[in-house]
PDB file of all heavy atoms in Angstrom:
ATOM      1  N   ALA A   1      -8.039  12.724   8.036  1.00  0.00           N
ATOM      2  CA  ALA A   1      -7.175  11.545   8.191  1.00  0.00           C
ATOM      3  C   ALA A   1      -6.018  11.847   9.145  1.00  0.00           C
ATOM      4  O   ALA A   1      -5.649  11.010   9.977  1.00  0.00           O
ATOM      5  CB  ALA A   1      -6.646  11.085   6.838  1.00  0.00           C
ATOM      6  N   MET A   2      -5.451  13.031   9.041  1.00  0.00           N
ATOM      7  CA  MET A   2      -4.369  13.412   9.961  1.00  0.00           C
ATOM      8  C   MET A   2      -4.873  13.382  11.404  1.00  0.00           C
ATOM      9  O   MET A   2      -4.185  12.884  12.300  1.00  0.00           O
ATOM     10  CB  MET A   2      -3.842  14.806   9.610  1.00  0.00           C
ATOM     11  CG  MET A   2      -3.042  14.838   8.319  1.00  0.00           C
ATOM     12  SD  MET A   2      -2.599  16.516   7.803  1.00  0.00           S
ATOM     13  CE  MET A   2      -1.442  16.973   9.090  1.00  0.00           C
ATOM     14  N   ALA A   3      -6.080  13.900  11.631  1.00  0.00           N
ATOM     15  CA  ALA A   3      -6.640  13.905  12.989  1.00  0.00           C
ATOM     16  C   ALA A   3      -6.862  12.492  13.511  1.00  0.00           C
ATOM     17  O   ALA A   3      -6.698  12.227  14.705  1.00  0.00           O
ATOM     18  CB  ALA A   3      -7.948  14.688  13.008  1.00  0.00           C
ATOM     19  N   ALA A   4      -7.217  11.573  12.615  1.00  0.00           N
ATOM     20  CA  ALA A   4      -7.471  10.194  13.030  1.00  0.00           C
ATOM     21  C   ALA A   4      -6.188   9.443  13.361  1.00  0.00           C
ATOM     22  O   ALA A   4      -6.194   8.538  14.187  1.00  0.00           O
ATOM     23  CB  ALA A   4      -8.241   9.451  11.941  1.00  0.00           C
ATOM     24  N   PHE A   5      -5.076   9.831  12.736  1.00  0.00           N
ATOM     25  CA  PHE A   5      -3.853   9.029  12.865  1.00  0.00           C
ATOM     26  C   PHE A   5      -2.681   9.726  13.541  1.00  0.00           C
ATOM     27  O   PHE A   5      -1.696   9.073  13.873  1.00  0.00           O
ATOM     28  CB  PHE A   5      -3.413   8.537  11.481  1.00  0.00           C
ATOM     29  CG  PHE A   5      -4.374   7.554  10.875  1.00  0.00           C
ATOM     30  CD1 PHE A   5      -5.287   7.965   9.915  1.00  0.00           C
ATOM     31  CD2 PHE A   5      -4.388   6.232  11.282  1.00  0.00           C
ATOM     32  CE1 PHE A   5      -6.185   7.066   9.354  1.00  0.00           C
ATOM     33  CE2 PHE A   5      -5.275   5.324  10.735  1.00  0.00           C
ATOM     34  CZ  PHE A   5      -6.179   5.749   9.769  1.00  0.00           C
ATOM     35  N   LEU A   6      -2.751  11.048  13.711  1.00  0.00           N
ATOM     36  CA  LEU A   6      -1.625  11.774  14.296  1.00  0.00           C
ATOM     37  C   LEU A   6      -2.024  12.395  15.629  1.00  0.00           C
ATOM     38  O   LEU A   6      -3.188  12.724  15.848  1.00  0.00           O
ATOM     39  CB  LEU A   6      -1.140  12.859  13.331  1.00  0.00           C
ATOM     40  CG  LEU A   6      -0.700  12.390  11.950  1.00  0.00           C
ATOM     41  CD1 LEU A   6      -0.343  13.577  11.066  1.00  0.00           C
ATOM     42  CD2 LEU A   6       0.460  11.422  12.033  1.00  0.00           C
ATOM     43  N   LYS A   7      -1.057  12.603  16.498  1.00  0.00           N
ATOM     44  CA  LYS A   7      -1.313  13.184  17.823  1.00  0.00           C
ATOM     45  C   LYS A   7      -1.246  14.712  17.772  1.00  0.00           C
ATOM     46  O   LYS A   7      -0.691  15.291  16.855  1.00  0.00           O
ATOM     47  CB  LYS A   7      -0.300  12.659  18.823  1.00  0.00           C
ATOM     48  CG  LYS A   7      -0.380  11.151  19.018  1.00  0.00           C
ATOM     49  CD  LYS A   7      -0.001  10.788  20.432  1.00  0.00           C
ATOM     50  CE  LYS A   7      -0.122   9.308  20.692  1.00  0.00           C
ATOM     51  NZ  LYS A   7      -1.457   8.816  20.706  1.00  0.00           N
ATOM     52  N   ASN A   8      -1.794  15.334  18.804  1.00  0.00           N
ATOM     53  CA  ASN A   8      -1.756  16.785  19.032  1.00  0.00           C
ATOM     54  C   ASN A   8      -2.619  17.598  18.072  1.00  0.00           C
ATOM     55  O   ASN A   8      -2.564  18.819  18.100  1.00  0.00           O
ATOM     56  CB  ASN A   8      -0.327  17.328  19.035  1.00  0.00           C
ATOM     57  CG  ASN A   8       0.485  16.763  20.180  1.00  0.00           C
ATOM     58  OD1 ASN A   8      -0.059  16.458  21.240  1.00  0.00           O
ATOM     59  ND2 ASN A   8       1.769  16.609  19.970  1.00  0.00           N
ATOM     60  N   ILE A   9      -3.402  16.960  17.226  1.00  0.00           N
ATOM     61  CA  ILE A   9      -4.338  17.701  16.386  1.00  0.00           C
ATOM     62  C   ILE A   9      -5.637  17.791  17.179  1.00  0.00           C
ATOM     63  O   ILE A   9      -6.286  16.784  17.430  1.00  0.00           O
ATOM     64  CB  ILE A   9      -4.527  17.024  15.019  1.00  0.00           C
ATOM     65  CG1 ILE A   9      -3.191  17.050  14.275  1.00  0.00           C
ATOM     66  CG2 ILE A   9      -5.636  17.727  14.230  1.00  0.00           C
ATOM     67  CD1 ILE A   9      -3.158  16.289  12.999  1.00  0.00           C
ATOM     68  N   MET A  10      -5.958  19.001  17.596  1.00  0.00           N
ATOM     69  CA  MET A  10      -7.052  19.178  18.534  1.00  0.00           C
ATOM     70  C   MET A  10      -8.299  19.819  17.927  1.00  0.00           C
ATOM     71  O   MET A  10      -9.356  19.790  18.538  1.00  0.00           O
ATOM     72  CB  MET A  10      -6.582  20.020  19.726  1.00  0.00           C
ATOM     73  CG  MET A  10      -5.385  19.423  20.452  1.00  0.00           C
ATOM     74  SD  MET A  10      -5.531  17.672  20.868  1.00  0.00           S
ATOM     75  CE  MET A  10      -6.779  17.716  22.132  1.00  0.00           C
ATOM     76  N   ALA A  11      -8.192  20.400  16.752  1.00  0.00           N
ATOM     77  CA  ALA A  11      -9.349  21.038  16.127  1.00  0.00           C
ATOM     78  C   ALA A  11      -9.206  20.956  14.611  1.00  0.00           C
ATOM     79  O   ALA A  11      -8.159  21.285  14.071  1.00  0.00           O
ATOM     80  CB  ALA A  11      -9.455  22.497  16.560  1.00  0.00           C
ATOM     81  N   VAL A  12     -10.278  20.491  13.952  1.00  0.00           N
ATOM     82  CA  VAL A  12     -10.277  20.387  12.496  1.00  0.00           C
ATOM     83  C   VAL A  12     -11.555  21.015  11.957  1.00  0.00           C
ATOM     84  O   VAL A  12     -12.651  20.594  12.307  1.00  0.00           O
ATOM     85  CB  VAL A  12     -10.191  18.918  12.023  1.00  0.00           C
ATOM     86  CG1 VAL A  12     -10.280  18.840  10.503  1.00  0.00           C
ATOM     87  CG2 VAL A  12      -8.937  18.245  12.522  1.00  0.00           C
ATOM     88  N   ALA A  13     -11.394  22.032  11.135  1.00  0.00           N
ATOM     89  CA  ALA A  13     -12.514  22.613  10.399  1.00  0.00           C
ATOM     90  C   ALA A  13     -12.398  22.096   8.971  1.00  0.00           C
ATOM     91  O   ALA A  13     -11.381  22.297   8.314  1.00  0.00           O
ATOM     92  CB  ALA A  13     -12.465  24.137  10.436  1.00  0.00           C
ATOM     93  N   SER A  14     -13.429  21.399   8.515  1.00  0.00           N
ATOM     94  CA  SER A  14     -13.358  20.802   7.183  1.00  0.00           C
ATOM     95  C   SER A  14     -14.587  21.191   6.379  1.00  0.00           C
ATOM     96  O   SER A  14     -15.687  21.274   6.908  1.00  0.00           O
ATOM     97  CB  SER A  14     -13.239  19.279   7.278  1.00  0.00           C
ATOM     98  OG  SER A  14     -14.427  18.720   7.809  1.00  0.00           O
ATOM     99  N   SER A  15     -14.366  21.409   5.112  1.00  0.00           N
ATOM    100  CA  SER A  15     -15.435  21.848   4.240  1.00  0.00           C
ATOM    101  C   SER A  15     -15.463  20.998   2.980  1.00  0.00           C
ATOM    102  O   SER A  15     -14.425  20.747   2.371  1.00  0.00           O
ATOM    103  CB  SER A  15     -15.194  23.324   3.886  1.00  0.00           C
ATOM    104  OG  SER A  15     -16.240  23.832   3.125  1.00  0.00           O
ATOM    105  N   GLU A  16     -16.656  20.538   2.622  1.00  0.00           N
ATOM    106  CA  GLU A  16     -16.891  19.785   1.385  1.00  0.00           C
ATOM    107  C   GLU A  16     -16.060  18.525   1.282  1.00  0.00           C
ATOM    108  O   GLU A  16     -15.256  18.354   0.387  1.00  0.00           O
ATOM    109  CB  GLU A  16     -16.625  20.666   0.149  1.00  0.00           C
ATOM    110  CG  GLU A  16     -17.433  21.907   0.090  1.00  0.00           C
ATOM    111  CD  GLU A  16     -16.715  23.105   0.683  1.00  0.00           C
ATOM    112  OE1 GLU A  16     -15.479  23.150   0.716  1.00  0.00           O
ATOM    113  OE2 GLU A  16     -17.415  24.005   1.143  1.00  0.00           O
ATOM    114  N   HIS A  17     -16.271  17.602   2.162  1.00  0.00           N
ATOM    115  CA  HIS A  17     -15.510  16.354   2.173  1.00  0.00           C
ATOM    116  C   HIS A  17     -16.434  15.171   1.985  1.00  0.00           C
ATOM    117  O   HIS A  17     -17.635  15.284   2.175  1.00  0.00           O
ATOM    118  CB  HIS A  17     -14.788  16.199   3.518  1.00  0.00           C
ATOM    119  CG  HIS A  17     -15.721  16.412   4.663  1.00  0.00           C
ATOM    120  ND1 HIS A  17     -16.640  15.472   5.051  1.00  0.00           N
ATOM    121  CD2 HIS A  17     -15.912  17.491   5.435  1.00  0.00           C
ATOM    122  CE1 HIS A  17     -17.348  15.961   6.045  1.00  0.00           C
ATOM    123  NE2 HIS A  17     -16.941  17.184   6.291  1.00  0.00           N
ATOM    124  N   SER A  18     -15.866  14.019   1.654  1.00  0.00           N
ATOM    125  CA  SER A  18     -16.673  12.805   1.553  1.00  0.00           C
ATOM    126  C   SER A  18     -16.346  11.816   2.662  1.00  0.00           C
ATOM    127  O   SER A  18     -17.011  10.807   2.797  1.00  0.00           O
ATOM    128  CB  SER A  18     -16.471  12.133   0.198  1.00  0.00           C
ATOM    129  OG  SER A  18     -15.180  11.574   0.127  1.00  0.00           O
ATOM    130  N   LEU A  19     -15.308  12.075   3.447  1.00  0.00           N
ATOM    131  CA  LEU A  19     -14.901  11.232   4.574  1.00  0.00           C
ATOM    132  C   LEU A  19     -14.389   9.861   4.166  1.00  0.00           C
ATOM    133  O   LEU A  19     -14.418   8.924   4.940  1.00  0.00           O
ATOM    134  CB  LEU A  19     -16.041  11.065   5.585  1.00  0.00           C
ATOM    135  CG  LEU A  19     -16.431  12.374   6.261  1.00  0.00           C
ATOM    136  CD1 LEU A  19     -17.720  12.206   7.011  1.00  0.00           C
ATOM    137  CD2 LEU A  19     -15.334  12.830   7.179  1.00  0.00           C
ATOM    138  N   CYS A  20     -13.902   9.734   2.947  1.00  0.00           N
ATOM    139  CA  CYS A  20     -13.287   8.475   2.563  1.00  0.00           C
ATOM    140  C   CYS A  20     -11.821   8.720   2.254  1.00  0.00           C
ATOM    141  O   CYS A  20     -11.432   9.816   1.888  1.00  0.00           O
ATOM    142  CB  CYS A  20     -13.984   7.847   1.365  1.00  0.00           C
ATOM    143  SG  CYS A  20     -13.822   8.764  -0.162  1.00  0.00           S
ATOM    144  N   ASP A  21     -11.018   7.679   2.441  1.00  0.00           N
ATOM    145  CA  ASP A  21      -9.581   7.834   2.214  1.00  0.00           C
ATOM    146  C   ASP A  21      -9.150   7.237   0.879  1.00  0.00           C
ATOM    147  O   ASP A  21      -7.982   7.002   0.660  1.00  0.00           O
ATOM    148  CB  ASP A  21      -8.783   7.203   3.355  1.00  0.00           C
ATOM    149  CG  ASP A  21      -8.950   5.691   3.438  1.00  0.00           C
ATOM    150  OD1 ASP A  21      -9.568   5.095   2.539  1.00  0.00           O
ATOM    151  OD2 ASP A  21      -8.460   5.113   4.396  1.00  0.00           O
ATOM    152  N   CYS A  22     -10.099   7.032  -0.030  1.00  0.00           N
ATOM    153  CA  CYS A  22      -9.771   6.291  -1.238  1.00  0.00           C
ATOM    154  C   CYS A  22      -8.755   6.975  -2.132  1.00  0.00           C
ATOM    155  O   CYS A  22      -8.053   6.306  -2.868  1.00  0.00           O
ATOM    156  CB  CYS A  22     -11.035   5.986  -2.032  1.00  0.00           C
ATOM    157  SG  CYS A  22     -11.954   7.436  -2.518  1.00  0.00           S
ATOM    158  N   TYR A  23      -8.646   8.288  -2.073  1.00  0.00           N
ATOM    159  CA  TYR A  23      -7.710   8.975  -2.958  1.00  0.00           C
ATOM    160  C   TYR A  23      -6.532   9.575  -2.219  1.00  0.00           C
ATOM    161  O   TYR A  23      -5.757  10.300  -2.794  1.00  0.00           O
ATOM    162  CB  TYR A  23      -8.425  10.076  -3.745  1.00  0.00           C
ATOM    163  CG  TYR A  23      -9.577   9.546  -4.528  1.00  0.00           C
ATOM    164  CD1 TYR A  23     -10.859   9.979  -4.273  1.00  0.00           C
ATOM    165  CD2 TYR A  23      -9.394   8.582  -5.497  1.00  0.00           C
ATOM    166  CE1 TYR A  23     -11.928   9.479  -4.980  1.00  0.00           C
ATOM    167  CE2 TYR A  23     -10.458   8.078  -6.205  1.00  0.00           C
ATOM    168  CZ  TYR A  23     -11.722   8.531  -5.944  1.00  0.00           C
ATOM    169  OH  TYR A  23     -12.775   8.039  -6.636  1.00  0.00           O
ATOM    170  N   ILE A  24      -6.422   9.324  -0.926  1.00  0.00           N
ATOM    171  CA  ILE A  24      -5.305   9.874  -0.171  1.00  0.00           C
ATOM    172  C   ILE A  24      -4.079   9.017  -0.434  1.00  0.00           C
ATOM    173  O   ILE A  24      -4.108   7.807  -0.273  1.00  0.00           O
ATOM    174  CB  ILE A  24      -5.621   9.925   1.334  1.00  0.00           C
ATOM    175  CG1 ILE A  24      -6.764  10.906   1.581  1.00  0.00           C
ATOM    176  CG2 ILE A  24      -4.393  10.326   2.138  1.00  0.00           C
ATOM    177  CD1 ILE A  24      -7.249  10.930   2.999  1.00  0.00           C
ATOM    178  N   ASP A  25      -3.024   9.632  -0.854  1.00  0.00           N
ATOM    179  CA  ASP A  25      -1.775   8.933  -1.116  1.00  0.00           C
ATOM    180  C   ASP A  25      -1.179   8.479   0.216  1.00  0.00           C
ATOM    181  O   ASP A  25      -0.905   9.300   1.089  1.00  0.00           O
ATOM    182  CB  ASP A  25      -0.819   9.882  -1.839  1.00  0.00           C
ATOM    183  CG  ASP A  25       0.500   9.242  -2.216  1.00  0.00           C
ATOM    184  OD1 ASP A  25       0.816   8.149  -1.705  1.00  0.00           O
ATOM    185  OD2 ASP A  25       1.216   9.851  -3.017  1.00  0.00           O
ATOM    186  N   SER A  26      -0.992   7.190   0.394  1.00  0.00           N
ATOM    187  CA  SER A  26      -0.523   6.677   1.682  1.00  0.00           C
ATOM    188  C   SER A  26       0.894   7.135   2.012  1.00  0.00           C
ATOM    189  O   SER A  26       1.331   7.012   3.146  1.00  0.00           O
ATOM    190  CB  SER A  26      -0.611   5.150   1.713  1.00  0.00           C
ATOM    191  OG  SER A  26       0.156   4.598   0.678  1.00  0.00           O
ATOM    192  N   SER A  27       1.628   7.692   1.057  1.00  0.00           N
ATOM    193  CA  SER A  27       2.944   8.227   1.391  1.00  0.00           C
ATOM    194  C   SER A  27       2.815   9.513   2.219  1.00  0.00           C
ATOM    195  O   SER A  27       3.732   9.896   2.935  1.00  0.00           O
ATOM    196  CB  SER A  27       3.762   8.507   0.125  1.00  0.00           C
ATOM    197  OG  SER A  27       3.164   9.542  -0.627  1.00  0.00           O
ATOM    198  N   LEU A  28       1.651  10.176   2.130  1.00  0.00           N
ATOM    199  CA  LEU A  28       1.415  11.374   2.940  1.00  0.00           C
ATOM    200  C   LEU A  28       1.248  11.007   4.409  1.00  0.00           C
ATOM    201  O   LEU A  28       1.760  11.673   5.295  1.00  0.00           O
ATOM    202  CB  LEU A  28       0.157  12.110   2.467  1.00  0.00           C
ATOM    203  CG  LEU A  28       0.190  12.681   1.055  1.00  0.00           C
ATOM    204  CD1 LEU A  28      -1.173  13.241   0.688  1.00  0.00           C
ATOM    205  CD2 LEU A  28       1.247  13.767   0.959  1.00  0.00           C
ATOM    206  N   LEU A  29       0.498   9.969   4.650  1.00  0.00           N
ATOM    207  CA  LEU A  29       0.251   9.490   6.008  1.00  0.00           C
ATOM    208  C   LEU A  29       0.477   7.981   5.993  1.00  0.00           C
ATOM    209  O   LEU A  29      -0.423   7.224   5.665  1.00  0.00           O
ATOM    210  CB  LEU A  29      -1.189   9.803   6.440  1.00  0.00           C
ATOM    211  CG  LEU A  29      -1.531  11.278   6.533  1.00  0.00           C
ATOM    212  CD1 LEU A  29      -3.023  11.477   6.663  1.00  0.00           C
ATOM    213  CD2 LEU A  29      -0.815  11.912   7.709  1.00  0.00           C
ATOM    214  N   PRO A  30       1.663   7.516   6.351  1.00  0.00           N
ATOM    215  CA  PRO A  30       2.012   6.114   6.165  1.00  0.00           C
ATOM    216  C   PRO A  30       1.090   5.121   6.871  1.00  0.00           C
ATOM    217  O   PRO A  30       1.000   3.980   6.462  1.00  0.00           O
ATOM    218  CB  PRO A  30       3.431   6.027   6.743  1.00  0.00           C
ATOM    219  CG  PRO A  30       3.943   7.417   6.746  1.00  0.00           C
ATOM    220  CD  PRO A  30       2.760   8.310   6.866  1.00  0.00           C
ATOM    221  N   ARG A  31       0.381   5.558   7.916  1.00  0.00           N
ATOM    222  CA  ARG A  31      -0.471   4.612   8.640  1.00  0.00           C
ATOM    223  C   ARG A  31      -1.803   4.361   7.954  1.00  0.00           C
ATOM    224  O   ARG A  31      -2.560   3.512   8.368  1.00  0.00           O
ATOM    225  CB  ARG A  31      -0.719   5.131  10.055  1.00  0.00           C
ATOM    226  CG  ARG A  31       0.535   5.051  10.895  1.00  0.00           C
ATOM    227  CD  ARG A  31       0.247   5.505  12.282  1.00  0.00           C
ATOM    228  NE  ARG A  31       1.175   6.580  12.574  1.00  0.00           N
ATOM    229  CZ  ARG A  31       1.093   7.390  13.597  1.00  0.00           C
ATOM    230  NH1 ARG A  31       0.115   7.276  14.440  1.00  0.00           N
ATOM    231  NH2 ARG A  31       1.978   8.333  13.785  1.00  0.00           N
ATOM    232  N   ILE A  32      -2.111   5.120   6.922  1.00  0.00           N
ATOM    233  CA  ILE A  32      -3.385   4.928   6.228  1.00  0.00           C
ATOM    234  C   ILE A  32      -3.244   3.801   5.216  1.00  0.00           C
ATOM    235  O   ILE A  32      -2.309   3.760   4.439  1.00  0.00           O
ATOM    236  CB  ILE A  32      -3.818   6.214   5.500  1.00  0.00           C
ATOM    237  CG1 ILE A  32      -4.177   7.276   6.525  1.00  0.00           C
ATOM    238  CG2 ILE A  32      -4.991   5.952   4.578  1.00  0.00           C
ATOM    239  CD1 ILE A  32      -4.612   8.570   5.885  1.00  0.00           C
TER     240      ILE A  32
END
């Protein structure tokens, strides 16, 4: 989510994800 909404993030290694934002607290990333 940070890579989708924030600048200068150029590489993301992610493990065991579902790719949904349903449980991400929007206070962490206000644009979500």
